[in-house]
Amino acid sequence: MKIMIKSLVLLLMVGIANPVFAGISDGWEQLGRERVSARLERDQIRAASKGFVKQIVIEVVGAAVYFESVAVHLGDGEVVDLPIRSIIKAGERTRVIDLPGNARLIRKVVFVHKKLKDAGKAEVILWGRK
């Protein structure tokens, strides 16, 4: 009985600590992540996907981030500008964003952003689903 309880507690801890289990599931893969600072900057996440992606989600952890522009650079050279010009609070994510056409290979996502003042460290995480 003690082993069963310990196993259950361990599974719950993994589920809470891992965003894949805590909210993003069903084939979602973390493509990359980037720490952001409080000044207006241009950063990029080089996608680590080994295959094609149909949908993406951008998640923010640690502190709220204001996104001024987001552009997805695809494997064929096409650049898709995303309509994300807003604040995403810590622990929140964008809606599921469908990439145009069939499944696409993502090379990188470039974003102009600013972390909100007087907040802790912020990190932007890119998720993809085939």
N, C-alpha and C. Protein backbone atom coordinates (compact mmCIF):
# COMPACT_ATOMS: atom_id res chain seq x y z
N MET A 1 0.82 -1.19 0.00
CA MET A 1 0.00 0.00 0.00
C MET A 1 0.86 1.26 0.00
N LYS A 2 1.96 1.25 0.80
CA LYS A 2 2.84 2.42 0.85
C LYS A 2 3.49 2.66 -0.51
N ILE A 3 3.86 1.59 -1.19
CA ILE A 3 4.49 1.74 -2.51
C ILE A 3 3.50 2.35 -3.49
N MET A 4 2.24 1.94 -3.42
CA MET A 4 1.23 2.47 -4.31
C MET A 4 1.02 3.97 -4.06
N ILE A 5 1.00 4.37 -2.81
CA ILE A 5 0.82 5.78 -2.46
C ILE A 5 2.02 6.59 -2.93
N LYS A 6 3.23 6.07 -2.70
CA LYS A 6 4.43 6.77 -3.16
C LYS A 6 4.44 6.91 -4.68
N SER A 7 4.03 5.87 -5.38
CA SER A 7 3.97 5.93 -6.84
C SER A 7 2.96 6.97 -7.31
N LEU A 8 1.82 7.03 -6.66
CA LEU A 8 0.79 8.00 -7.01
C LEU A 8 1.29 9.43 -6.77
N VAL A 9 1.94 9.66 -5.64
CA VAL A 9 2.50 10.98 -5.32
C VAL A 9 3.54 11.37 -6.36
N LEU A 10 4.40 10.44 -6.74
CA LEU A 10 5.42 10.72 -7.75
C LEU A 10 4.78 11.09 -9.09
N LEU A 11 3.77 10.36 -9.50
CA LEU A 11 3.09 10.67 -10.76
C LEU A 11 2.44 12.05 -10.72
N LEU A 12 1.84 12.40 -9.59
CA LEU A 12 1.24 13.73 -9.45
C LEU A 12 2.28 14.83 -9.52
N MET A 13 3.43 14.61 -8.88
CA MET A 13 4.50 15.61 -8.89
C MET A 13 5.03 15.82 -10.31
N VAL A 14 5.22 14.75 -11.04
CA VAL A 14 5.69 14.86 -12.43
C VAL A 14 4.65 15.60 -13.27
N GLY A 15 3.39 15.30 -13.06
CA GLY A 15 2.33 15.96 -13.81
C GLY A 15 2.24 17.44 -13.54
N ILE A 16 2.46 17.85 -12.30
CA ILE A 16 2.41 19.26 -11.94
C ILE A 16 3.65 19.99 -12.45
N ALA A 17 4.81 19.38 -12.35
CA ALA A 17 6.06 20.04 -12.72
C ALA A 17 6.28 20.09 -14.23
N ASN A 18 5.68 19.21 -14.97
CA ASN A 18 5.92 19.14 -16.41
C ASN A 18 4.74 19.74 -17.17
N PRO A 19 4.95 20.84 -17.91
CA PRO A 19 3.84 21.47 -18.61
C PRO A 19 3.19 20.58 -19.66
N VAL A 20 3.90 19.59 -20.16
CA VAL A 20 3.28 18.69 -21.13
C VAL A 20 2.12 17.97 -20.47
N PHE A 21 2.31 17.52 -19.24
CA PHE A 21 1.24 16.83 -18.53
C PHE A 21 0.27 17.80 -17.88
N ALA A 22 0.74 19.00 -17.54
CA ALA A 22 -0.08 19.94 -16.80
C ALA A 22 -1.05 20.70 -17.69
N GLY A 23 -0.90 20.67 -19.00
CA GLY A 23 -1.83 21.42 -19.82
C GLY A 23 -1.66 21.19 -21.30
N ILE A 24 -0.44 20.98 -21.74
CA ILE A 24 -0.20 20.74 -23.16
C ILE A 24 0.11 19.26 -23.30
N SER A 25 -0.73 18.56 -24.04
CA SER A 25 -0.51 17.13 -24.22
C SER A 25 -0.93 16.74 -25.64
N ASP A 26 -1.20 15.49 -25.85
CA ASP A 26 -1.68 15.00 -27.15
C ASP A 26 -0.76 15.36 -28.31
N GLY A 27 0.48 14.92 -28.23
CA GLY A 27 1.40 15.09 -29.35
C GLY A 27 2.18 16.39 -29.38
N TRP A 28 2.10 17.21 -28.35
CA TRP A 28 2.86 18.46 -28.32
C TRP A 28 4.31 18.16 -27.96
N GLU A 29 5.22 18.85 -28.64
CA GLU A 29 6.65 18.68 -28.42
C GLU A 29 7.26 20.06 -28.17
N GLN A 30 8.12 20.15 -27.15
CA GLN A 30 8.80 21.42 -26.91
C GLN A 30 9.86 21.61 -27.99
N LEU A 31 9.75 22.71 -28.74
CA LEU A 31 10.67 22.98 -29.83
C LEU A 31 11.85 23.84 -29.39
N GLY A 32 11.69 24.58 -28.30
CA GLY A 32 12.77 25.42 -27.81
C GLY A 32 12.28 26.40 -26.77
N ARG A 33 13.25 27.10 -26.16
CA ARG A 33 12.91 28.10 -25.13
C ARG A 33 13.99 29.16 -25.10
N GLU A 34 13.61 30.35 -24.61
CA GLU A 34 14.54 31.48 -24.57
C GLU A 34 14.20 32.36 -23.37
N ARG A 35 15.24 32.74 -22.61
CA ARG A 35 15.06 33.70 -21.51
C ARG A 35 14.96 35.10 -22.10
N VAL A 36 14.14 35.94 -21.48
CA VAL A 36 13.97 37.31 -21.98
C VAL A 36 14.24 38.31 -20.87
N SER A 37 14.63 39.53 -21.27
CA SER A 37 14.96 40.58 -20.30
C SER A 37 13.88 41.66 -20.30
N ALA A 38 14.09 42.69 -19.47
CA ALA A 38 13.09 43.74 -19.29
C ALA A 38 13.14 44.81 -20.39
N ARG A 39 14.17 44.83 -21.21
CA ARG A 39 14.21 45.84 -22.27
C ARG A 39 13.63 45.27 -23.56
N LEU A 40 13.25 46.18 -24.46
CA LEU A 40 12.71 45.76 -25.75
C LEU A 40 13.82 45.12 -26.56
N GLU A 41 13.62 43.87 -26.93
CA GLU A 41 14.67 43.10 -27.61
C GLU A 41 14.08 42.27 -28.74
N ARG A 42 14.98 41.80 -29.56
CA ARG A 42 14.64 40.84 -30.61
C ARG A 42 15.40 39.56 -30.28
N ASP A 43 14.68 38.49 -30.06
CA ASP A 43 15.28 37.19 -29.75
C ASP A 43 14.73 36.16 -30.72
N GLN A 44 15.33 34.99 -30.66
CA GLN A 44 14.83 33.91 -31.50
C GLN A 44 14.97 32.58 -30.78
N ILE A 45 14.08 31.68 -31.15
CA ILE A 45 14.15 30.30 -30.68
C ILE A 45 14.41 29.45 -31.92
N ARG A 46 15.53 28.77 -31.92
CA ARG A 46 15.83 27.83 -33.02
C ARG A 46 15.07 26.54 -32.72
N ALA A 47 14.20 26.15 -33.62
CA ALA A 47 13.35 24.99 -33.39
C ALA A 47 14.16 23.71 -33.42
N ALA A 48 13.89 22.85 -32.45
CA ALA A 48 14.61 21.58 -32.32
C ALA A 48 13.79 20.41 -32.88
N SER A 49 12.73 20.70 -33.60
CA SER A 49 11.88 19.64 -34.12
C SER A 49 12.61 18.84 -35.19
N LYS A 50 12.41 17.55 -35.15
CA LYS A 50 13.02 16.67 -36.14
C LYS A 50 12.03 16.34 -37.25
N GLY A 51 10.92 17.03 -37.26
CA GLY A 51 9.91 16.74 -38.26
C GLY A 51 9.04 17.95 -38.56
N PHE A 52 7.94 17.68 -39.18
CA PHE A 52 7.03 18.74 -39.61
C PHE A 52 6.01 19.04 -38.52
N VAL A 53 5.57 20.29 -38.49
CA VAL A 53 4.65 20.77 -37.46
C VAL A 53 3.46 21.44 -38.14
N LYS A 54 2.25 21.17 -37.63
CA LYS A 54 1.04 21.79 -38.16
C LYS A 54 0.58 22.96 -37.29
N GLN A 55 0.86 22.87 -35.98
CA GLN A 55 0.37 23.88 -35.04
C GLN A 55 1.46 24.25 -34.05
N ILE A 56 1.39 25.49 -33.54
CA ILE A 56 2.31 25.91 -32.49
C ILE A 56 1.55 26.62 -31.38
N VAL A 57 2.19 26.67 -30.22
CA VAL A 57 1.72 27.43 -29.06
C VAL A 57 2.94 28.09 -28.44
N ILE A 58 2.79 29.33 -28.01
CA ILE A 58 3.86 30.03 -27.30
C ILE A 58 3.43 30.20 -25.85
N GLU A 59 4.28 29.74 -24.95
CA GLU A 59 3.99 29.78 -23.51
C GLU A 59 5.00 30.69 -22.82
N VAL A 60 4.55 31.38 -21.77
CA VAL A 60 5.42 32.26 -20.99
C VAL A 60 5.43 31.78 -19.55
N VAL A 61 6.62 31.66 -18.96
CA VAL A 61 6.75 31.28 -17.56
C VAL A 61 7.62 32.30 -16.84
N GLY A 62 7.38 32.46 -15.54
CA GLY A 62 8.22 33.32 -14.70
C GLY A 62 7.70 34.73 -14.54
N ALA A 63 7.41 35.43 -15.63
CA ALA A 63 6.93 36.81 -15.60
C ALA A 63 6.22 37.12 -16.91
N ALA A 64 5.32 38.09 -16.87
CA ALA A 64 4.57 38.47 -18.07
C ALA A 64 5.49 39.08 -19.12
N VAL A 65 5.16 38.83 -20.39
CA VAL A 65 5.95 39.34 -21.51
C VAL A 65 5.01 40.01 -22.51
N TYR A 66 5.41 41.20 -22.98
CA TYR A 66 4.68 41.88 -24.05
C TYR A 66 5.32 41.52 -25.38
N PHE A 67 4.54 40.97 -26.30
CA PHE A 67 5.03 40.62 -27.63
C PHE A 67 4.63 41.72 -28.60
N GLU A 68 5.63 42.31 -29.25
CA GLU A 68 5.36 43.33 -30.27
C GLU A 68 5.20 42.69 -31.64
N SER A 69 6.00 41.67 -31.92
CA SER A 69 5.86 40.93 -33.18
C SER A 69 6.43 39.53 -33.02
N VAL A 70 5.87 38.60 -33.79
CA VAL A 70 6.33 37.21 -33.78
C VAL A 70 6.32 36.72 -35.23
N ALA A 71 7.44 36.16 -35.67
CA ALA A 71 7.55 35.66 -37.05
C ALA A 71 8.11 34.24 -37.03
N VAL A 72 7.43 33.33 -37.72
CA VAL A 72 7.86 31.94 -37.82
C VAL A 72 8.60 31.78 -39.16
N HIS A 73 9.85 31.36 -39.09
CA HIS A 73 10.67 31.13 -40.29
C HIS A 73 10.62 29.64 -40.61
N LEU A 74 10.08 29.32 -41.77
CA LEU A 74 9.87 27.93 -42.17
C LEU A 74 11.04 27.39 -42.97
N GLY A 75 11.09 26.09 -43.08
CA GLY A 75 12.20 25.43 -43.76
C GLY A 75 12.36 25.79 -45.23
N ASP A 76 11.25 26.18 -45.89
CA ASP A 76 11.32 26.54 -47.31
C ASP A 76 11.64 28.01 -47.53
N GLY A 77 11.95 28.74 -46.44
CA GLY A 77 12.29 30.16 -46.54
C GLY A 77 11.12 31.10 -46.31
N GLU A 78 9.90 30.59 -46.30
CA GLU A 78 8.73 31.43 -46.06
C GLU A 78 8.73 31.93 -44.62
N VAL A 79 8.26 33.16 -44.42
CA VAL A 79 8.14 33.74 -43.09
C VAL A 79 6.66 34.03 -42.84
N VAL A 80 6.13 33.51 -41.72
CA VAL A 80 4.74 33.70 -41.36
C VAL A 80 4.69 34.63 -40.16
N ASP A 81 4.09 35.83 -40.34
CA ASP A 81 3.91 36.76 -39.23
C ASP A 81 2.67 36.36 -38.45
N LEU A 82 2.82 36.24 -37.13
CA LEU A 82 1.70 35.83 -36.29
C LEU A 82 1.02 37.05 -35.66
N PRO A 83 -0.29 37.00 -35.50
CA PRO A 83 -1.03 38.12 -34.93
C PRO A 83 -0.97 38.14 -33.40
N ILE A 84 0.24 38.18 -32.86
CA ILE A 84 0.40 38.22 -31.40
C ILE A 84 1.02 39.57 -31.06
N ARG A 85 0.21 40.51 -30.64
CA ARG A 85 0.68 41.82 -30.24
C ARG A 85 -0.02 42.15 -28.92
N SER A 86 0.42 41.43 -27.90
CA SER A 86 -0.26 41.55 -26.61
C SER A 86 0.63 41.05 -25.48
N ILE A 87 0.11 41.18 -24.28
CA ILE A 87 0.79 40.69 -23.09
C ILE A 87 0.34 39.26 -22.83
N ILE A 88 1.31 38.39 -22.60
CA ILE A 88 1.00 37.03 -22.15
C ILE A 88 1.53 36.92 -20.74
N LYS A 89 0.65 36.66 -19.81
CA LYS A 89 1.03 36.59 -18.40
C LYS A 89 1.79 35.30 -18.10
N ALA A 90 2.55 35.34 -17.00
CA ALA A 90 3.29 34.16 -16.56
C ALA A 90 2.33 32.99 -16.36
N GLY A 91 2.71 31.84 -16.88
CA GLY A 91 1.88 30.65 -16.74
C GLY A 91 0.79 30.54 -17.79
N GLU A 92 0.72 31.50 -18.70
CA GLU A 92 -0.29 31.45 -19.75
C GLU A 92 0.37 31.19 -21.10
N ARG A 93 -0.46 30.92 -22.09
CA ARG A 93 0.04 30.63 -23.43
C ARG A 93 -0.92 31.19 -24.46
N THR A 94 -0.45 31.23 -25.69
CA THR A 94 -1.32 31.66 -26.78
C THR A 94 -2.34 30.57 -27.07
N ARG A 95 -3.28 30.91 -27.89
CA ARG A 95 -4.20 29.88 -28.41
C ARG A 95 -3.38 28.98 -29.34
N VAL A 96 -3.94 27.89 -29.77
CA VAL A 96 -3.27 27.03 -30.74
C VAL A 96 -3.28 27.77 -32.08
N ILE A 97 -2.10 27.91 -32.68
CA ILE A 97 -1.95 28.64 -33.94
C ILE A 97 -1.67 27.63 -35.05
N ASP A 98 -2.56 27.59 -36.04
CA ASP A 98 -2.39 26.70 -37.19
C ASP A 98 -1.44 27.35 -38.19
N LEU A 99 -0.42 26.61 -38.61
CA LEU A 99 0.47 27.11 -39.65
C LEU A 99 -0.21 26.90 -41.00
N PRO A 100 0.00 27.82 -41.96
CA PRO A 100 -0.67 27.70 -43.25
C PRO A 100 -0.19 26.49 -44.05
N GLY A 101 -1.09 25.93 -44.83
CA GLY A 101 -0.73 24.79 -45.69
C GLY A 101 -0.62 23.50 -44.91
N ASN A 102 0.11 22.56 -45.48
CA ASN A 102 0.34 21.28 -44.82
C ASN A 102 1.34 21.45 -43.69
N ALA A 103 1.68 20.36 -43.04
CA ALA A 103 2.66 20.42 -41.96
C ALA A 103 3.95 21.05 -42.47
N ARG A 104 4.56 21.89 -41.65
CA ARG A 104 5.72 22.67 -42.07
C ARG A 104 6.91 22.40 -41.16
N LEU A 105 8.09 22.53 -41.72
CA LEU A 105 9.32 22.44 -40.95
C LEU A 105 9.64 23.85 -40.44
N ILE A 106 9.83 24.00 -39.14
CA ILE A 106 10.14 25.31 -38.55
C ILE A 106 11.63 25.39 -38.30
N ARG A 107 12.27 26.42 -38.84
CA ARG A 107 13.70 26.66 -38.57
C ARG A 107 13.87 27.46 -37.29
N LYS A 108 13.10 28.55 -37.17
CA LYS A 108 13.21 29.40 -35.98
C LYS A 108 11.98 30.27 -35.86
N VAL A 109 11.79 30.81 -34.65
CA VAL A 109 10.75 31.80 -34.40
C VAL A 109 11.45 33.03 -33.85
N VAL A 110 11.25 34.17 -34.51
CA VAL A 110 11.87 35.43 -34.11
C VAL A 110 10.78 36.30 -33.48
N PHE A 111 11.08 36.85 -32.30
CA PHE A 111 10.08 37.69 -31.64
C PHE A 111 10.71 38.94 -31.05
N VAL A 112 9.96 40.05 -31.17
CA VAL A 112 10.33 41.31 -30.53
C VAL A 112 9.45 41.39 -29.30
N HIS A 113 10.06 41.59 -28.15
CA HIS A 113 9.34 41.46 -26.88
C HIS A 113 9.90 42.40 -25.84
N LYS A 114 9.16 42.50 -24.75
CA LYS A 114 9.62 43.23 -23.58
C LYS A 114 8.99 42.58 -22.36
N LYS A 115 9.84 42.22 -21.41
CA LYS A 115 9.32 41.68 -20.15
C LYS A 115 8.79 42.87 -19.35
N LEU A 116 7.69 42.69 -18.66
CA LEU A 116 7.13 43.79 -17.89
C LEU A 116 8.02 44.12 -16.70
N LYS A 117 8.07 45.40 -16.34
CA LYS A 117 8.95 45.87 -15.26
C LYS A 117 8.60 45.21 -13.92
N ASP A 118 9.60 45.21 -13.05
CA ASP A 118 9.45 44.72 -11.67
C ASP A 118 8.91 43.30 -11.59
N ALA A 119 9.21 42.53 -12.59
CA ALA A 119 8.80 41.12 -12.57
C ALA A 119 10.06 40.27 -12.48
N GLY A 120 9.88 39.02 -12.15
CA GLY A 120 11.02 38.11 -12.07
C GLY A 120 11.54 37.74 -13.45
N LYS A 121 12.30 36.68 -13.51
CA LYS A 121 12.84 36.20 -14.78
C LYS A 121 11.71 35.61 -15.62
N ALA A 122 11.78 35.86 -16.91
CA ALA A 122 10.76 35.33 -17.82
C ALA A 122 11.41 34.44 -18.86
N GLU A 123 10.65 33.45 -19.29
CA GLU A 123 11.12 32.54 -20.32
C GLU A 123 9.98 32.28 -21.29
N VAL A 124 10.30 32.25 -22.58
CA VAL A 124 9.33 31.97 -23.63
C VAL A 124 9.60 30.56 -24.13
N ILE A 125 8.54 29.75 -24.19
CA ILE A 125 8.67 28.35 -24.62
C ILE A 125 7.83 28.15 -25.88
N LEU A 126 8.42 27.53 -26.88
CA LEU A 126 7.73 27.23 -28.13
C LEU A 126 7.36 25.75 -28.17
N TRP A 127 6.07 25.47 -28.39
CA TRP A 127 5.57 24.11 -28.50
C TRP A 127 5.08 23.88 -29.92
N GLY A 128 5.22 22.66 -30.43
CA GLY A 128 4.72 22.32 -31.75
C GLY A 128 4.01 20.97 -31.73
N ARG A 129 3.03 20.84 -32.62
CA ARG A 129 2.29 19.58 -32.74
C ARG A 129 2.19 19.21 -34.21
N LYS A 130 2.42 17.94 -34.48
CA LYS A 130 2.40 17.44 -35.87
C LYS A 130 0.99 17.16 -36.34
